[in-house]
Amino acid sequence: MKSRHAFSRRDLLFSMRLSELGKYGQDTAVLWHEAIARRKDNYVSSAFHKFIESLRDVKDLTIWLDNCAGQNKNWTFFTMMLYIINNPSYNMDRIRLKYLEPAHSFMASDTAHDRIKKQMRRTGKLFDFRDIVEAVTAAKCKPVPMTHNDFMD
């Protein structure tokens, strides 16, 4: 049996960071790389879906978003939110979407992003996706890796 390998100097990593507000809020990073999917509206919406799936007992969800039209202000994203709120298996009563003022925003997830970047620099060379997941964990952020099956149209 022949083994086939491909080498790439760099892969693009996509990360969506979410931070629970409050004294003991958990930082979460939903992660995927370009071999799995790109950064299109349906893939970003799928990352939100993956995160919301983990919120089993949340009845009332408020999500603060930046003003990125390609990711957070499109019909794919709104349709996915409607799917979640109308699906009885999620047991959610309300989802509120709040958008920050453009160019005047600082989100709690920005702090998590900085911690992850510093940890990646400290780690040095990251050879594969597992190394990135380990760096995210070391930065005190919960990694949620995406697989092919997590992405939806």
N, C-alpha and C. Protein backbone atom coordinates (compact mmCIF):
# COMPACT_ATOMS: atom_id res chain seq x y z
N MET A 1 0.84 -1.17 0.00
CA MET A 1 0.00 0.00 0.00
C MET A 1 0.89 1.24 0.00
N LYS A 2 0.61 2.18 -0.89
CA LYS A 2 1.38 3.40 -0.97
C LYS A 2 0.82 4.44 -0.01
N SER A 3 1.69 5.20 0.54
CA SER A 3 1.28 6.30 1.42
C SER A 3 1.44 7.61 0.67
N ARG A 4 0.43 8.44 0.70
CA ARG A 4 0.50 9.73 0.01
C ARG A 4 0.42 10.84 1.03
N HIS A 5 1.30 11.79 0.88
CA HIS A 5 1.36 12.90 1.82
C HIS A 5 1.42 14.21 1.05
N ALA A 6 0.95 15.23 1.65
CA ALA A 6 1.08 16.57 1.07
C ALA A 6 1.69 17.47 2.13
N PHE A 7 2.51 18.38 1.69
CA PHE A 7 3.15 19.30 2.61
C PHE A 7 2.72 20.72 2.24
N SER A 8 2.41 21.47 3.26
CA SER A 8 2.07 22.87 3.05
C SER A 8 2.81 23.67 4.10
N ARG A 9 3.42 24.77 3.71
CA ARG A 9 4.13 25.60 4.67
C ARG A 9 3.17 26.18 5.70
N ARG A 10 1.99 26.51 5.26
CA ARG A 10 1.04 27.17 6.14
C ARG A 10 -0.39 26.82 5.77
N ASP A 11 -1.18 26.54 6.75
CA ASP A 11 -2.62 26.36 6.55
C ASP A 11 -3.33 27.51 7.23
N LEU A 12 -4.43 27.92 6.67
CA LEU A 12 -5.23 28.96 7.30
C LEU A 12 -6.06 28.35 8.41
N LEU A 13 -6.03 29.01 9.53
CA LEU A 13 -6.82 28.58 10.68
C LEU A 13 -7.97 29.56 10.85
N PHE A 14 -9.15 29.04 11.03
CA PHE A 14 -10.31 29.87 11.29
C PHE A 14 -10.74 29.65 12.73
N SER A 15 -11.02 30.72 13.41
CA SER A 15 -11.36 30.64 14.82
C SER A 15 -12.45 31.65 15.12
N MET A 16 -13.46 31.18 15.80
CA MET A 16 -14.50 32.07 16.28
C MET A 16 -14.46 31.99 17.80
N ARG A 17 -14.16 33.11 18.43
CA ARG A 17 -14.05 33.12 19.88
C ARG A 17 -15.31 33.68 20.50
N LEU A 18 -15.76 33.01 21.55
CA LEU A 18 -16.95 33.42 22.27
C LEU A 18 -16.61 33.48 23.75
N SER A 19 -17.11 34.48 24.42
CA SER A 19 -16.84 34.64 25.85
C SER A 19 -18.14 34.82 26.59
N GLU A 20 -18.32 34.00 27.61
CA GLU A 20 -19.47 34.19 28.49
C GLU A 20 -19.17 35.37 29.39
N LEU A 21 -20.13 36.26 29.53
CA LEU A 21 -19.93 37.42 30.38
C LEU A 21 -20.19 37.05 31.83
N GLY A 22 -19.54 37.76 32.72
CA GLY A 22 -19.72 37.50 34.14
C GLY A 22 -18.41 37.13 34.78
N LYS A 23 -18.43 37.03 36.09
CA LYS A 23 -17.22 36.80 36.86
C LYS A 23 -16.52 35.49 36.50
N TYR A 24 -17.28 34.44 36.26
CA TYR A 24 -16.69 33.13 35.99
C TYR A 24 -16.96 32.66 34.55
N GLY A 25 -17.06 33.61 33.63
CA GLY A 25 -17.36 33.28 32.24
C GLY A 25 -16.28 32.45 31.59
N GLN A 26 -16.68 31.54 30.76
CA GLN A 26 -15.77 30.64 30.04
C GLN A 26 -15.50 31.20 28.65
N ASP A 27 -14.22 31.22 28.25
CA ASP A 27 -13.86 31.59 26.88
C ASP A 27 -13.83 30.32 26.05
N THR A 28 -14.42 30.40 24.88
CA THR A 28 -14.50 29.25 23.97
C THR A 28 -13.97 29.67 22.61
N ALA A 29 -13.25 28.78 21.95
CA ALA A 29 -12.78 29.02 20.59
C ALA A 29 -13.25 27.86 19.71
N VAL A 30 -14.12 28.17 18.77
CA VAL A 30 -14.56 27.17 17.79
C VAL A 30 -13.53 27.24 16.66
N LEU A 31 -12.89 26.11 16.37
CA LEU A 31 -11.74 26.08 15.46
C LEU A 31 -11.96 25.16 14.27
N TRP A 32 -11.46 25.59 13.11
CA TRP A 32 -11.38 24.72 11.95
C TRP A 32 -10.28 25.26 11.04
N HIS A 33 -9.86 24.47 10.07
CA HIS A 33 -8.81 24.91 9.16
C HIS A 33 -9.29 24.77 7.73
N GLU A 34 -8.51 25.33 6.82
CA GLU A 34 -8.96 25.44 5.43
C GLU A 34 -9.15 24.10 4.73
N ALA A 35 -8.57 23.02 5.25
CA ALA A 35 -8.79 21.70 4.64
C ALA A 35 -10.19 21.19 4.96
N ILE A 36 -10.81 21.73 6.00
CA ILE A 36 -12.16 21.32 6.39
C ILE A 36 -13.20 22.22 5.73
N ALA A 37 -13.02 23.54 5.84
CA ALA A 37 -13.98 24.48 5.27
C ALA A 37 -13.35 25.87 5.20
N ARG A 38 -13.97 26.75 4.47
CA ARG A 38 -13.52 28.14 4.35
C ARG A 38 -14.27 29.02 5.34
N ARG A 39 -14.21 30.33 5.13
CA ARG A 39 -14.92 31.27 6.00
C ARG A 39 -16.06 31.90 5.20
N LYS A 40 -17.04 31.12 4.87
CA LYS A 40 -18.24 31.62 4.21
C LYS A 40 -19.33 31.76 5.26
N ASP A 41 -20.40 32.43 4.90
CA ASP A 41 -21.47 32.69 5.86
C ASP A 41 -22.05 31.40 6.44
N ASN A 42 -22.24 30.37 5.62
CA ASN A 42 -22.81 29.13 6.16
C ASN A 42 -21.83 28.39 7.08
N TYR A 43 -20.53 28.54 6.87
CA TYR A 43 -19.56 27.89 7.74
C TYR A 43 -19.46 28.61 9.09
N VAL A 44 -19.50 29.93 9.05
CA VAL A 44 -19.48 30.70 10.30
C VAL A 44 -20.77 30.42 11.08
N SER A 45 -21.90 30.35 10.40
CA SER A 45 -23.17 30.01 11.06
C SER A 45 -23.11 28.62 11.66
N SER A 46 -22.45 27.70 10.98
CA SER A 46 -22.28 26.34 11.51
C SER A 46 -21.43 26.36 12.78
N ALA A 47 -20.45 27.25 12.85
CA ALA A 47 -19.64 27.36 14.06
C ALA A 47 -20.49 27.88 15.22
N PHE A 48 -21.36 28.86 14.97
CA PHE A 48 -22.28 29.31 16.01
C PHE A 48 -23.19 28.17 16.44
N HIS A 49 -23.67 27.40 15.48
CA HIS A 49 -24.54 26.26 15.78
C HIS A 49 -23.83 25.26 16.68
N LYS A 50 -22.57 24.96 16.38
CA LYS A 50 -21.79 24.02 17.19
C LYS A 50 -21.67 24.52 18.63
N PHE A 51 -21.44 25.82 18.79
CA PHE A 51 -21.34 26.40 20.13
C PHE A 51 -22.69 26.34 20.85
N ILE A 52 -23.76 26.70 20.17
CA ILE A 52 -25.09 26.74 20.80
C ILE A 52 -25.55 25.35 21.20
N GLU A 53 -25.12 24.33 20.45
CA GLU A 53 -25.46 22.94 20.81
C GLU A 53 -24.97 22.59 22.22
N SER A 54 -23.88 23.20 22.64
CA SER A 54 -23.33 22.89 23.96
C SER A 54 -24.06 23.60 25.10
N LEU A 55 -24.97 24.49 24.79
CA LEU A 55 -25.72 25.24 25.80
C LEU A 55 -27.05 24.55 26.09
N ARG A 56 -26.99 23.43 26.73
CA ARG A 56 -28.18 22.59 26.92
C ARG A 56 -29.29 23.23 27.72
N ASP A 57 -28.97 23.85 28.83
CA ASP A 57 -30.02 24.33 29.73
C ASP A 57 -30.26 25.83 29.64
N VAL A 58 -29.77 26.47 28.61
CA VAL A 58 -29.96 27.91 28.45
C VAL A 58 -31.31 28.17 27.79
N LYS A 59 -32.15 28.93 28.45
CA LYS A 59 -33.47 29.26 27.90
C LYS A 59 -33.46 30.61 27.19
N ASP A 60 -32.64 31.53 27.69
CA ASP A 60 -32.60 32.90 27.19
C ASP A 60 -31.15 33.24 26.86
N LEU A 61 -30.84 33.37 25.57
CA LEU A 61 -29.47 33.58 25.12
C LEU A 61 -29.33 34.97 24.51
N THR A 62 -28.32 35.71 24.95
CA THR A 62 -27.98 36.99 24.34
C THR A 62 -26.59 36.87 23.75
N ILE A 63 -26.47 37.20 22.47
CA ILE A 63 -25.18 37.14 21.79
C ILE A 63 -24.82 38.55 21.33
N TRP A 64 -23.67 39.03 21.80
CA TRP A 64 -23.13 40.32 21.37
C TRP A 64 -22.22 40.05 20.19
N LEU A 65 -22.43 40.77 19.09
CA LEU A 65 -21.70 40.53 17.85
C LEU A 65 -21.03 41.80 17.35
N ASP A 66 -19.97 41.62 16.56
CA ASP A 66 -19.42 42.77 15.87
C ASP A 66 -20.27 43.02 14.63
N ASN A 67 -19.95 44.01 13.86
CA ASN A 67 -20.78 44.39 12.72
C ASN A 67 -20.30 43.83 11.40
N CYS A 68 -19.72 42.66 11.41
CA CYS A 68 -19.24 42.05 10.18
C CYS A 68 -20.42 41.51 9.38
N ALA A 69 -20.72 42.17 8.28
CA ALA A 69 -21.88 41.79 7.48
C ALA A 69 -21.72 40.40 6.87
N GLY A 70 -20.51 40.04 6.50
CA GLY A 70 -20.28 38.73 5.88
C GLY A 70 -20.47 37.57 6.82
N GLN A 71 -20.36 37.81 8.13
CA GLN A 71 -20.47 36.72 9.09
C GLN A 71 -21.69 36.82 9.98
N ASN A 72 -21.99 38.00 10.49
CA ASN A 72 -22.99 38.14 11.54
C ASN A 72 -24.26 38.90 11.13
N LYS A 73 -24.30 39.38 9.93
CA LYS A 73 -25.48 40.11 9.46
C LYS A 73 -25.86 39.61 8.07
N ASN A 74 -26.33 38.39 8.00
CA ASN A 74 -26.74 37.85 6.71
C ASN A 74 -27.89 36.87 6.92
N TRP A 75 -28.57 36.52 5.85
CA TRP A 75 -29.75 35.66 5.94
C TRP A 75 -29.42 34.24 6.40
N THR A 76 -28.25 33.76 6.06
CA THR A 76 -27.86 32.42 6.51
C THR A 76 -27.80 32.36 8.03
N PHE A 77 -27.17 33.36 8.63
CA PHE A 77 -27.05 33.42 10.08
C PHE A 77 -28.42 33.56 10.74
N PHE A 78 -29.26 34.47 10.22
CA PHE A 78 -30.59 34.66 10.80
C PHE A 78 -31.46 33.42 10.64
N THR A 79 -31.35 32.75 9.50
CA THR A 79 -32.12 31.53 9.27
C THR A 79 -31.70 30.44 10.24
N MET A 80 -30.40 30.32 10.50
CA MET A 80 -29.93 29.32 11.46
C MET A 80 -30.45 29.62 12.86
N MET A 81 -30.47 30.90 13.24
CA MET A 81 -31.02 31.28 14.55
C MET A 81 -32.50 30.94 14.64
N LEU A 82 -33.24 31.17 13.57
CA LEU A 82 -34.67 30.81 13.55
C LEU A 82 -34.86 29.30 13.67
N TYR A 83 -34.00 28.55 13.00
CA TYR A 83 -34.05 27.09 13.10
C TYR A 83 -33.87 26.65 14.55
N ILE A 84 -32.90 27.25 15.24
CA ILE A 84 -32.62 26.87 16.64
C ILE A 84 -33.79 27.23 17.54
N ILE A 85 -34.32 28.42 17.40
CA ILE A 85 -35.38 28.88 18.31
C ILE A 85 -36.69 28.11 18.07
N ASN A 86 -36.91 27.64 16.84
CA ASN A 86 -38.13 26.91 16.52
C ASN A 86 -38.00 25.40 16.66
N ASN A 87 -36.80 24.92 16.96
CA ASN A 87 -36.56 23.49 17.10
C ASN A 87 -36.74 23.10 18.57
N PRO A 88 -37.73 22.26 18.89
CA PRO A 88 -37.99 21.92 20.29
C PRO A 88 -36.84 21.18 20.98
N SER A 89 -35.95 20.57 20.24
CA SER A 89 -34.85 19.84 20.88
C SER A 89 -33.83 20.79 21.53
N TYR A 90 -33.82 22.07 21.15
CA TYR A 90 -32.90 23.03 21.77
C TYR A 90 -33.48 23.62 23.05
N ASN A 91 -34.80 23.61 23.18
CA ASN A 91 -35.45 24.06 24.42
C ASN A 91 -35.10 25.50 24.78
N MET A 92 -34.97 26.37 23.77
CA MET A 92 -34.62 27.77 23.98
C MET A 92 -35.86 28.64 23.75
N ASP A 93 -36.09 29.58 24.66
CA ASP A 93 -37.23 30.47 24.54
C ASP A 93 -36.92 31.74 23.76
N ARG A 94 -35.69 32.23 23.89
CA ARG A 94 -35.37 33.51 23.26
C ARG A 94 -33.88 33.58 22.93
N ILE A 95 -33.60 34.14 21.75
CA ILE A 95 -32.23 34.47 21.35
C ILE A 95 -32.23 35.95 20.99
N ARG A 96 -31.39 36.71 21.67
CA ARG A 96 -31.24 38.14 21.36
C ARG A 96 -29.90 38.34 20.69
N LEU A 97 -29.90 39.06 19.58
CA LEU A 97 -28.66 39.43 18.89
C LEU A 97 -28.45 40.92 19.10
N LYS A 98 -27.31 41.28 19.68
CA LYS A 98 -26.99 42.69 19.92
C LYS A 98 -25.68 43.00 19.20
N TYR A 99 -25.70 44.09 18.44
CA TYR A 99 -24.55 44.48 17.65
C TYR A 99 -23.86 45.69 18.27
N LEU A 100 -22.55 45.61 18.39
CA LEU A 100 -21.76 46.70 18.95
C LEU A 100 -21.62 47.83 17.93
N GLU A 101 -21.35 49.01 18.43
CA GLU A 101 -21.15 50.18 17.59
C GLU A 101 -19.89 49.98 16.73
N PRO A 102 -20.00 50.17 15.41
CA PRO A 102 -18.81 49.99 14.55
C PRO A 102 -17.67 50.93 14.95
N ALA A 103 -16.47 50.39 14.98
CA ALA A 103 -15.23 51.12 15.26
C ALA A 103 -15.13 51.64 16.69
N HIS A 104 -16.07 51.30 17.54
CA HIS A 104 -16.03 51.74 18.94
C HIS A 104 -16.25 50.57 19.87
N SER A 105 -15.82 49.41 19.47
CA SER A 105 -16.17 48.23 20.25
C SER A 105 -14.93 47.52 20.79
N PHE A 106 -15.10 46.98 21.96
CA PHE A 106 -14.13 46.06 22.55
C PHE A 106 -14.94 44.91 23.12
N MET A 107 -14.68 43.72 22.63
CA MET A 107 -15.43 42.57 23.08
C MET A 107 -14.60 41.75 24.06
N ALA A 108 -15.27 41.05 24.95
CA ALA A 108 -14.58 40.19 25.92
C ALA A 108 -13.74 39.13 25.20
N SER A 109 -14.19 38.71 24.04
CA SER A 109 -13.44 37.68 23.30
C SER A 109 -12.12 38.22 22.75
N ASP A 110 -11.96 39.55 22.66
CA ASP A 110 -10.68 40.11 22.21
C ASP A 110 -9.55 39.74 23.18
N THR A 111 -9.86 39.70 24.47
CA THR A 111 -8.87 39.32 25.48
C THR A 111 -8.45 37.86 25.28
N ALA A 112 -9.43 36.99 25.02
CA ALA A 112 -9.11 35.58 24.77
C ALA A 112 -8.25 35.45 23.52
N HIS A 113 -8.55 36.23 22.50
CA HIS A 113 -7.77 36.21 21.27
C HIS A 113 -6.31 36.57 21.55
N ASP A 114 -6.10 37.61 22.36
CA ASP A 114 -4.73 38.02 22.70
C ASP A 114 -3.99 36.93 23.48
N ARG A 115 -4.69 36.27 24.42
CA ARG A 115 -4.06 35.19 25.19
C ARG A 115 -3.64 34.05 24.27
N ILE A 116 -4.49 33.72 23.31
CA ILE A 116 -4.18 32.63 22.37
C ILE A 116 -2.97 32.99 21.51
N LYS A 117 -2.94 34.23 21.00
CA LYS A 117 -1.80 34.66 20.19
C LYS A 117 -0.50 34.61 20.97
N LYS A 118 -0.52 35.07 22.22
CA LYS A 118 0.69 35.03 23.06
C LYS A 118 1.13 33.59 23.32
N GLN A 119 0.17 32.72 23.58
CA GLN A 119 0.50 31.31 23.83
C GLN A 119 1.09 30.67 22.59
N MET A 120 0.58 31.00 21.42
CA MET A 120 1.11 30.45 20.18
C MET A 120 2.55 30.92 19.95
N ARG A 121 2.83 32.18 20.28
CA ARG A 121 4.19 32.69 20.16
C ARG A 121 5.12 31.98 21.15
N ARG A 122 4.64 31.78 22.38
CA ARG A 122 5.44 31.08 23.40
C ARG A 122 5.73 29.64 22.99
N THR A 123 4.74 28.99 22.40
CA THR A 123 4.87 27.59 22.01
C THR A 123 5.92 27.43 20.91
N GLY A 124 6.01 28.40 20.04
CA GLY A 124 6.97 28.30 18.94
C GLY A 124 6.31 27.71 17.72
N LYS A 125 6.91 26.67 17.19
CA LYS A 125 6.38 26.08 15.97
C LYS A 125 5.17 25.21 16.27
N LEU A 126 4.14 25.45 15.50
CA LEU A 126 2.93 24.64 15.58
C LEU A 126 2.88 23.80 14.30
N PHE A 127 2.97 22.49 14.45
CA PHE A 127 3.11 21.63 13.28
C PHE A 127 1.80 21.13 12.71
N ASP A 128 0.78 21.01 13.54
CA ASP A 128 -0.50 20.54 13.02
C ASP A 128 -1.65 21.11 13.85
N PHE A 129 -2.83 20.73 13.47
CA PHE A 129 -4.04 21.25 14.11
C PHE A 129 -4.10 20.90 15.60
N ARG A 130 -3.60 19.73 15.96
CA ARG A 130 -3.57 19.34 17.38
C ARG A 130 -2.72 20.30 18.21
N ASP A 131 -1.60 20.77 17.63
CA ASP A 131 -0.76 21.75 18.34
C ASP A 131 -1.53 23.04 18.61
N ILE A 132 -2.34 23.43 17.67
CA ILE A 132 -3.14 24.65 17.85
C ILE A 132 -4.19 24.45 18.93
N VAL A 133 -4.84 23.30 18.92
CA VAL A 133 -5.83 23.00 19.96
C VAL A 133 -5.17 23.00 21.34
N GLU A 134 -3.97 22.45 21.45
CA GLU A 134 -3.24 22.45 22.72
C GLU A 134 -2.86 23.87 23.15
N ALA A 135 -2.48 24.72 22.21
CA ALA A 135 -2.14 26.11 22.53
C ALA A 135 -3.37 26.87 23.02
N VAL A 136 -4.51 26.62 22.41
CA VAL A 136 -5.77 27.25 22.84
C VAL A 136 -6.11 26.81 24.26
N THR A 137 -5.94 25.54 24.55
CA THR A 137 -6.19 25.01 25.90
C THR A 137 -5.24 25.65 26.91
N ALA A 138 -3.96 25.75 26.56
CA ALA A 138 -2.97 26.35 27.46
C ALA A 138 -3.25 27.83 27.72
N ALA A 139 -3.97 28.47 26.81
CA ALA A 139 -4.34 29.87 26.97
C ALA A 139 -5.63 30.03 27.78
N LYS A 140 -6.03 28.97 28.45
CA LYS A 140 -7.23 28.95 29.30
C LYS A 140 -8.50 29.29 28.51
N CYS A 141 -8.59 28.67 27.36
CA CYS A 141 -9.74 28.84 26.49
C CYS A 141 -10.20 27.44 26.07
N LYS A 142 -11.48 27.20 26.08
CA LYS A 142 -12.01 25.87 25.73
C LYS A 142 -12.05 25.72 24.21
N PRO A 143 -11.27 24.79 23.65
CA PRO A 143 -11.31 24.59 22.20
C PRO A 143 -12.48 23.70 21.79
N VAL A 144 -13.13 24.07 20.70
CA VAL A 144 -14.20 23.26 20.13
C VAL A 144 -13.84 23.04 18.66
N PRO A 145 -13.10 21.96 18.36
CA PRO A 145 -12.72 21.71 16.96
C PRO A 145 -13.91 21.27 16.13
N MET A 146 -13.99 21.79 14.93
CA MET A 146 -15.05 21.42 13.99
C MET A 146 -14.56 20.27 13.12
N THR A 147 -15.49 19.41 12.72
CA THR A 147 -15.20 18.35 11.76
C THR A 147 -16.03 18.59 10.51
N HIS A 148 -15.80 17.80 9.47
CA HIS A 148 -16.57 17.94 8.23
C HIS A 148 -18.07 17.85 8.49
N ASN A 149 -18.46 16.96 9.38
CA ASN A 149 -19.88 16.73 9.64
C ASN A 149 -20.56 17.86 10.37
N ASP A 150 -19.80 18.79 10.95
CA ASP A 150 -20.38 19.91 11.69
C ASP A 150 -20.87 21.04 10.80
N PHE A 151 -20.46 21.04 9.53
CA PHE A 151 -20.82 22.14 8.64
C PHE A 151 -22.09 21.82 7.87
N MET A 152 -22.95 22.83 7.78
CA MET A 152 -24.26 22.66 7.13
C MET A 152 -24.46 23.75 6.09
N ASP A 153 -25.36 23.49 5.17
CA ASP A 153 -25.79 24.52 4.20
C ASP A 153 -27.05 25.17 4.70
